[in-house]
Amino acid sequence: MQKHLSVITHRAGIVHINCQSGHLFWQEANLDPVVKQYAKKYLVQEGFLEKALGVLNPAPHQVPHLFPDDVLN
């Protein structure tokens, strides 16, 4: 199993996410706290944190609510 998920961000550079705990590690040591907060929010909004922790459910729902005939009408 993978220990870290690494994501390249525009301002914060490379951010590593621990797949067990969700803890974030920055490659660059002297980052502005505002940039770190921005990176945290970005990773949560884009689903990287959930992907690292394995909580995303990519499987489709068992019973679809709409059938193709319903969409065409």
PDB file of N, CA and C in Angstrom:
ATOM      1  N   MET A   1       0.835  -1.179   0.000  1.00  0.00           N
ATOM      2  CA  MET A   1       0.000   0.000   0.000  1.00  0.00           C
ATOM      3  C   MET A   1       0.887   1.252   0.000  1.00  0.00           C
ATOM      4  N   GLN A   2       0.430   2.258  -0.667  1.00  0.00           N
ATOM      5  CA  GLN A   2       1.160   3.519  -0.773  1.00  0.00           C
ATOM      6  C   GLN A   2       1.128   4.263   0.564  1.00  0.00           C
ATOM      7  N   LYS A   3       2.293   4.814   0.978  1.00  0.00           N
ATOM      8  CA  LYS A   3       2.351   5.532   2.247  1.00  0.00           C
ATOM      9  C   LYS A   3       1.996   6.999   2.106  1.00  0.00           C
ATOM     10  N   HIS A   4       2.359   7.615   0.964  1.00  0.00           N
ATOM     11  CA  HIS A   4       2.115   9.041   0.755  1.00  0.00           C
ATOM     12  C   HIS A   4       1.550   9.272  -0.638  1.00  0.00           C
ATOM     13  N   LEU A   5       0.696  10.271  -0.737  1.00  0.00           N
ATOM     14  CA  LEU A   5       0.224  10.770  -2.026  1.00  0.00           C
ATOM     15  C   LEU A   5       0.860  12.143  -2.177  1.00  0.00           C
ATOM     16  N   SER A   6       1.553  12.354  -3.285  1.00  0.00           N
ATOM     17  CA  SER A   6       2.228  13.625  -3.525  1.00  0.00           C
ATOM     18  C   SER A   6       1.469  14.431  -4.561  1.00  0.00           C
ATOM     19  N   VAL A   7       1.249  15.716  -4.261  1.00  0.00           N
ATOM     20  CA  VAL A   7       0.501  16.610  -5.140  1.00  0.00           C
ATOM     21  C   VAL A   7       1.349  17.856  -5.365  1.00  0.00           C
ATOM     22  N   ILE A   8       1.428  18.289  -6.621  1.00  0.00           N
ATOM     23  CA  ILE A   8       2.145  19.521  -6.940  1.00  0.00           C
ATOM     24  C   ILE A   8       1.132  20.647  -7.014  1.00  0.00           C
ATOM     25  N   THR A   9       1.335  21.666  -6.192  1.00  0.00           N
ATOM     26  CA  THR A   9       0.454  22.839  -6.200  1.00  0.00           C
ATOM     27  C   THR A   9       1.223  24.034  -6.739  1.00  0.00           C
ATOM     28  N   HIS A  10       0.482  25.032  -7.170  1.00  0.00           N
ATOM     29  CA  HIS A  10       1.093  26.203  -7.794  1.00  0.00           C
ATOM     30  C   HIS A  10       1.947  27.003  -6.807  1.00  0.00           C
ATOM     31  N   ARG A  11       1.407  27.337  -5.674  1.00  0.00           N
ATOM     32  CA  ARG A  11       2.103  28.195  -4.708  1.00  0.00           C
ATOM     33  C   ARG A  11       2.913  27.409  -3.679  1.00  0.00           C
ATOM     34  N   ALA A  12       2.370  26.289  -3.206  1.00  0.00           N
ATOM     35  CA  ALA A  12       3.003  25.562  -2.109  1.00  0.00           C
ATOM     36  C   ALA A  12       4.026  24.539  -2.584  1.00  0.00           C
ATOM     37  N   GLY A  13       4.122  24.316  -3.867  1.00  0.00           N
ATOM     38  CA  GLY A  13       5.062  23.324  -4.376  1.00  0.00           C
ATOM     39  C   GLY A  13       4.525  21.917  -4.168  1.00  0.00           C
ATOM     40  N   ILE A  14       5.401  21.004  -3.804  1.00  0.00           N
ATOM     41  CA  ILE A  14       5.005  19.605  -3.615  1.00  0.00           C
ATOM     42  C   ILE A  14       4.510  19.410  -2.185  1.00  0.00           C
ATOM     43  N   VAL A  15       3.309  18.839  -2.086  1.00  0.00           N
ATOM     44  CA  VAL A  15       2.707  18.536  -0.787  1.00  0.00           C
ATOM     45  C   VAL A  15       2.515  17.026  -0.725  1.00  0.00           C
ATOM     46  N   HIS A  16       2.974  16.413   0.353  1.00  0.00           N
ATOM     47  CA  HIS A  16       2.814  14.976   0.562  1.00  0.00           C
ATOM     48  C   HIS A  16       1.707  14.768   1.588  1.00  0.00           C
ATOM     49  N   ILE A  17       0.805  13.840   1.295  1.00  0.00           N
ATOM     50  CA  ILE A  17      -0.293  13.516   2.210  1.00  0.00           C
ATOM     51  C   ILE A  17      -0.069  12.098   2.718  1.00  0.00           C
ATOM     52  N   ASN A  18      -0.008  11.930   4.026  1.00  0.00           N
ATOM     53  CA  ASN A  18       0.135  10.613   4.629  1.00  0.00           C
ATOM     54  C   ASN A  18      -1.177   9.850   4.428  1.00  0.00           C
ATOM     55  N   CYS A  19      -1.111   8.674   3.822  1.00  0.00           N
ATOM     56  CA  CYS A  19      -2.321   7.901   3.504  1.00  0.00           C
ATOM     57  C   CYS A  19      -2.957   7.250   4.724  1.00  0.00           C
ATOM     58  N   GLN A  20      -2.260   7.177   5.833  1.00  0.00           N
ATOM     59  CA  GLN A  20      -2.830   6.599   7.047  1.00  0.00           C
ATOM     60  C   GLN A  20      -3.541   7.640   7.900  1.00  0.00           C
ATOM     61  N   SER A  21      -2.901   8.795   8.062  1.00  0.00           N
ATOM     62  CA  SER A  21      -3.438   9.793   8.996  1.00  0.00           C
ATOM     63  C   SER A  21      -4.007  11.035   8.323  1.00  0.00           C
ATOM     64  N   GLY A  22      -3.634  11.284   7.067  1.00  0.00           N
ATOM     65  CA  GLY A  22      -4.076  12.499   6.390  1.00  0.00           C
ATOM     66  C   GLY A  22      -3.218  13.707   6.704  1.00  0.00           C
ATOM     67  N   HIS A  23      -2.120  13.509   7.417  1.00  0.00           N
ATOM     68  CA  HIS A  23      -1.221  14.598   7.782  1.00  0.00           C
ATOM     69  C   HIS A  23      -0.498  15.112   6.538  1.00  0.00           C
ATOM     70  N   LEU A  24      -0.334  16.430   6.442  1.00  0.00           N
ATOM     71  CA  LEU A  24       0.303  17.054   5.286  1.00  0.00           C
ATOM     72  C   LEU A  24       1.760  17.387   5.596  1.00  0.00           C
ATOM     73  N   PHE A  25       2.628  17.130   4.607  1.00  0.00           N
ATOM     74  CA  PHE A  25       4.045  17.474   4.693  1.00  0.00           C
ATOM     75  C   PHE A  25       4.394  18.295   3.469  1.00  0.00           C
ATOM     76  N   TRP A  26       5.091  19.407   3.684  1.00  0.00           N
ATOM     77  CA  TRP A  26       5.502  20.272   2.582  1.00  0.00           C
ATOM     78  C   TRP A  26       6.960  20.020   2.256  1.00  0.00           C
ATOM     79  N   GLN A  27       7.280  19.961   0.958  1.00  0.00           N
ATOM     80  CA  GLN A  27       8.662  19.775   0.530  1.00  0.00           C
ATOM     81  C   GLN A  27       9.498  21.011   0.868  1.00  0.00           C
ATOM     82  N   GLU A  28       8.910  22.183   0.689  1.00  0.00           N
ATOM     83  CA  GLU A  28       9.598  23.441   0.977  1.00  0.00           C
ATOM     84  C   GLU A  28       9.414  23.770   2.461  1.00  0.00           C
ATOM     85  N   ALA A  29      10.520  24.086   3.122  1.00  0.00           N
ATOM     86  CA  ALA A  29      10.483  24.275   4.576  1.00  0.00           C
ATOM     87  C   ALA A  29       9.930  25.628   5.005  1.00  0.00           C
ATOM     88  N   ASN A  30      10.226  26.697   4.311  1.00  0.00           N
ATOM     89  CA  ASN A  30       9.859  28.040   4.755  1.00  0.00           C
ATOM     90  C   ASN A  30       8.678  28.594   3.971  1.00  0.00           C
ATOM     91  N   LEU A  31       7.519  28.001   4.159  1.00  0.00           N
ATOM     92  CA  LEU A  31       6.322  28.484   3.475  1.00  0.00           C
ATOM     93  C   LEU A  31       5.545  29.436   4.370  1.00  0.00           C
ATOM     94  N   ASP A  32       4.929  30.407   3.758  1.00  0.00           N
ATOM     95  CA  ASP A  32       4.062  31.344   4.454  1.00  0.00           C
ATOM     96  C   ASP A  32       2.846  30.577   4.988  1.00  0.00           C
ATOM     97  N   PRO A  33       2.418  30.834   6.223  1.00  0.00           N
ATOM     98  CA  PRO A  33       1.241  30.139   6.770  1.00  0.00           C
ATOM     99  C   PRO A  33      -0.022  30.329   5.925  1.00  0.00           C
ATOM    100  N   VAL A  34      -0.139  31.468   5.265  1.00  0.00           N
ATOM    101  CA  VAL A  34      -1.309  31.712   4.410  1.00  0.00           C
ATOM    102  C   VAL A  34      -1.280  30.764   3.213  1.00  0.00           C
ATOM    103  N   VAL A  35      -0.105  30.532   2.653  1.00  0.00           N
ATOM    104  CA  VAL A  35       0.038  29.617   1.520  1.00  0.00           C
ATOM    105  C   VAL A  35      -0.277  28.190   1.961  1.00  0.00           C
ATOM    106  N   LYS A  36       0.150  27.821   3.161  1.00  0.00           N
ATOM    107  CA  LYS A  36      -0.162  26.488   3.680  1.00  0.00           C
ATOM    108  C   LYS A  36      -1.666  26.301   3.847  1.00  0.00           C
ATOM    109  N   GLN A  37      -2.332  27.314   4.378  1.00  0.00           N
ATOM    110  CA  GLN A  37      -3.783  27.241   4.564  1.00  0.00           C
ATOM    111  C   GLN A  37      -4.499  27.140   3.221  1.00  0.00           C
ATOM    112  N   TYR A  38      -4.033  27.907   2.248  1.00  0.00           N
ATOM    113  CA  TYR A  38      -4.593  27.843   0.898  1.00  0.00           C
ATOM    114  C   TYR A  38      -4.427  26.434   0.325  1.00  0.00           C
ATOM    115  N   ALA A  39      -3.249  25.848   0.493  1.00  0.00           N
ATOM    116  CA  ALA A  39      -2.988  24.507  -0.028  1.00  0.00           C
ATOM    117  C   ALA A  39      -3.890  23.476   0.646  1.00  0.00           C
ATOM    118  N   LYS A  40      -4.084  23.599   1.959  1.00  0.00           N
ATOM    119  CA  LYS A  40      -4.967  22.668   2.676  1.00  0.00           C
ATOM    120  C   LYS A  40      -6.387  22.735   2.121  1.00  0.00           C
ATOM    121  N   LYS A  41      -6.898  23.951   1.952  1.00  0.00           N
ATOM    122  CA  LYS A  41      -8.258  24.108   1.431  1.00  0.00           C
ATOM    123  C   LYS A  41      -8.367  23.565   0.018  1.00  0.00           C
ATOM    124  N   TYR A  42      -7.361  23.819  -0.797  1.00  0.00           N
ATOM    125  CA  TYR A  42      -7.354  23.327  -2.179  1.00  0.00           C
ATOM    126  C   TYR A  42      -7.375  21.796  -2.209  1.00  0.00           C
ATOM    127  N   LEU A  43      -6.552  21.160  -1.397  1.00  0.00           N
ATOM    128  CA  LEU A  43      -6.483  19.702  -1.386  1.00  0.00           C
ATOM    129  C   LEU A  43      -7.792  19.077  -0.914  1.00  0.00           C
ATOM    130  N   VAL A  44      -8.458  19.712   0.026  1.00  0.00           N
ATOM    131  CA  VAL A  44      -9.754  19.202   0.494  1.00  0.00           C
ATOM    132  C   VAL A  44     -10.825  19.406  -0.579  1.00  0.00           C
ATOM    133  N   GLN A  45     -10.884  20.599  -1.173  1.00  0.00           N
ATOM    134  CA  GLN A  45     -11.907  20.891  -2.182  1.00  0.00           C
ATOM    135  C   GLN A  45     -11.772  20.000  -3.404  1.00  0.00           C
ATOM    136  N   GLU A  46     -10.564  19.723  -3.828  1.00  0.00           N
ATOM    137  CA  GLU A  46     -10.344  18.935  -5.035  1.00  0.00           C
ATOM    138  C   GLU A  46     -10.367  17.430  -4.782  1.00  0.00           C
ATOM    139  N   GLY A  47     -10.516  17.008  -3.535  1.00  0.00           N
ATOM    140  CA  GLY A  47     -10.667  15.591  -3.214  1.00  0.00           C
ATOM    141  C   GLY A  47      -9.368  14.819  -3.052  1.00  0.00           C
ATOM    142  N   PHE A  48      -8.238  15.511  -2.989  1.00  0.00           N
ATOM    143  CA  PHE A  48      -6.968  14.804  -2.841  1.00  0.00           C
ATOM    144  C   PHE A  48      -6.838  14.155  -1.468  1.00  0.00           C
ATOM    145  N   LEU A  49      -7.337  14.809  -0.446  1.00  0.00           N
ATOM    146  CA  LEU A  49      -7.254  14.254   0.898  1.00  0.00           C
ATOM    147  C   LEU A  49      -8.083  12.973   1.004  1.00  0.00           C
ATOM    148  N   GLU A  50      -9.295  12.988   0.448  1.00  0.00           N
ATOM    149  CA  GLU A  50     -10.148  11.809   0.462  1.00  0.00           C
ATOM    150  C   GLU A  50      -9.533  10.673  -0.355  1.00  0.00           C
ATOM    151  N   LYS A  51      -8.908  11.030  -1.478  1.00  0.00           N
ATOM    152  CA  LYS A  51      -8.263  10.016  -2.305  1.00  0.00           C
ATOM    153  C   LYS A  51      -7.119   9.360  -1.546  1.00  0.00           C
ATOM    154  N   ALA A  52      -6.309  10.157  -0.848  1.00  0.00           N
ATOM    155  CA  ALA A  52      -5.186   9.617  -0.091  1.00  0.00           C
ATOM    156  C   ALA A  52      -5.652   8.694   1.020  1.00  0.00           C
ATOM    157  N   LEU A  53      -6.744   9.051   1.676  1.00  0.00           N
ATOM    158  CA  LEU A  53      -7.256   8.240   2.780  1.00  0.00           C
ATOM    159  C   LEU A  53      -8.080   7.051   2.304  1.00  0.00           C
ATOM    160  N   GLY A  54      -8.420   7.030   1.015  1.00  0.00           N
ATOM    161  CA  GLY A  54      -9.167   5.906   0.458  1.00  0.00           C
ATOM    162  C   GLY A  54     -10.643   5.932   0.779  1.00  0.00           C
ATOM    163  N   VAL A  55     -11.214   7.104   1.005  1.00  0.00           N
ATOM    164  CA  VAL A  55     -12.627   7.180   1.346  1.00  0.00           C
ATOM    165  C   VAL A  55     -13.511   7.544   0.160  1.00  0.00           C
ATOM    166  N   LEU A  56     -12.906   7.765  -0.996  1.00  0.00           N
ATOM    167  CA  LEU A  56     -13.723   8.022  -2.187  1.00  0.00           C
ATOM    168  C   LEU A  56     -14.358   6.720  -2.638  1.00  0.00           C
ATOM    169  N   ASN A  57     -15.598   6.783  -3.061  1.00  0.00           N
ATOM    170  CA  ASN A  57     -16.294   5.599  -3.536  1.00  0.00           C
ATOM    171  C   ASN A  57     -16.568   5.767  -5.027  1.00  0.00           C
ATOM    172  N   PRO A  58     -15.670   5.266  -5.876  1.00  0.00           N
ATOM    173  CA  PRO A  58     -15.867   5.469  -7.304  1.00  0.00           C
ATOM    174  C   PRO A  58     -16.932   4.579  -7.923  1.00  0.00           C
ATOM    175  N   ALA A  59     -17.427   3.593  -7.188  1.00  0.00           N
ATOM    176  CA  ALA A  59     -18.436   2.685  -7.741  1.00  0.00           C
ATOM    177  C   ALA A  59     -19.777   3.405  -7.895  1.00  0.00           C
ATOM    178  N   PRO A  60     -20.473   3.194  -9.002  1.00  0.00           N
ATOM    179  CA  PRO A  60     -21.781   3.830  -9.178  1.00  0.00           C
ATOM    180  C   PRO A  60     -22.813   3.249  -8.216  1.00  0.00           C
ATOM    181  N   HIS A  61     -23.854   4.006  -7.992  1.00  0.00           N
ATOM    182  CA  HIS A  61     -24.939   3.570  -7.126  1.00  0.00           C
ATOM    183  C   HIS A  61     -25.584   2.332  -7.718  1.00  0.00           C
ATOM    184  N   GLN A  62     -26.038   1.406  -6.881  1.00  0.00           N
ATOM    185  CA  GLN A  62     -26.588   0.138  -7.354  1.00  0.00           C
ATOM    186  C   GLN A  62     -27.882   0.309  -8.148  1.00  0.00           C
ATOM    187  N   VAL A  63     -28.743   1.224  -7.737  1.00  0.00           N
ATOM    188  CA  VAL A  63     -30.019   1.440  -8.414  1.00  0.00           C
ATOM    189  C   VAL A  63     -30.042   2.864  -8.962  1.00  0.00           C
ATOM    190  N   PRO A  64     -29.929   3.017 -10.273  1.00  0.00           N
ATOM    191  CA  PRO A  64     -29.955   4.377 -10.818  1.00  0.00           C
ATOM    192  C   PRO A  64     -31.346   4.993 -10.688  1.00  0.00           C
ATOM    193  N   HIS A  65     -31.391   6.288 -10.479  1.00  0.00           N
ATOM    194  CA  HIS A  65     -32.664   6.983 -10.331  1.00  0.00           C
ATOM    195  C   HIS A  65     -33.289   7.303 -11.674  1.00  0.00           C
ATOM    196  N   LEU A  66     -32.468   7.481 -12.684  1.00  0.00           N
ATOM    197  CA  LEU A  66     -32.961   7.796 -14.019  1.00  0.00           C
ATOM    198  C   LEU A  66     -32.549   6.702 -14.996  1.00  0.00           C
ATOM    199  N   PHE A  67     -33.470   6.324 -15.839  1.00  0.00           N
ATOM    200  CA  PHE A  67     -33.186   5.380 -16.892  1.00  0.00           C
ATOM    201  C   PHE A  67     -33.048   6.139 -18.193  1.00  0.00           C
ATOM    202  N   PRO A  68     -32.362   5.585 -19.181  1.00  0.00           N
ATOM    203  CA  PRO A  68     -32.167   6.300 -20.455  1.00  0.00           C
ATOM    204  C   PRO A  68     -33.468   6.789 -21.080  1.00  0.00           C
ATOM    205  N   ASP A  69     -34.542   6.030 -20.971  1.00  0.00           N
ATOM    206  CA  ASP A  69     -35.828   6.441 -21.539  1.00  0.00           C
ATOM    207  C   ASP A  69     -36.369   7.690 -20.840  1.00  0.00           C
ATOM    208  N   ASP A  70     -36.125   7.825 -19.528  1.00  0.00           N
ATOM    209  CA  ASP A  70     -36.567   8.990 -18.776  1.00  0.00           C
ATOM    210  C   ASP A  70     -35.820  10.253 -19.206  1.00  0.00           C
ATOM    211  N   VAL A  71     -34.555  10.133 -19.528  1.00  0.00           N
ATOM    212  CA  VAL A  71     -33.735  11.271 -19.901  1.00  0.00           C
ATOM    213  C   VAL A  71     -34.134  11.780 -21.283  1.00  0.00           C
ATOM    214  N   LEU A  72     -34.458  10.879 -22.203  1.00  0.00           N
ATOM    215  CA  LEU A  72     -34.811  11.268 -23.567  1.00  0.00           C
ATOM    216  C   LEU A  72     -36.169  11.944 -23.658  1.00  0.00           C
ATOM    217  N   ASN A  73     -37.061  11.705 -22.715  1.00  0.00           N
ATOM    218  CA  ASN A  73     -38.394  12.290 -22.772  1.00  0.00           C
ATOM    219  C   ASN A  73     -38.446  13.670 -22.186  1.00  0.00           C
TER     220      ASN A  73
END
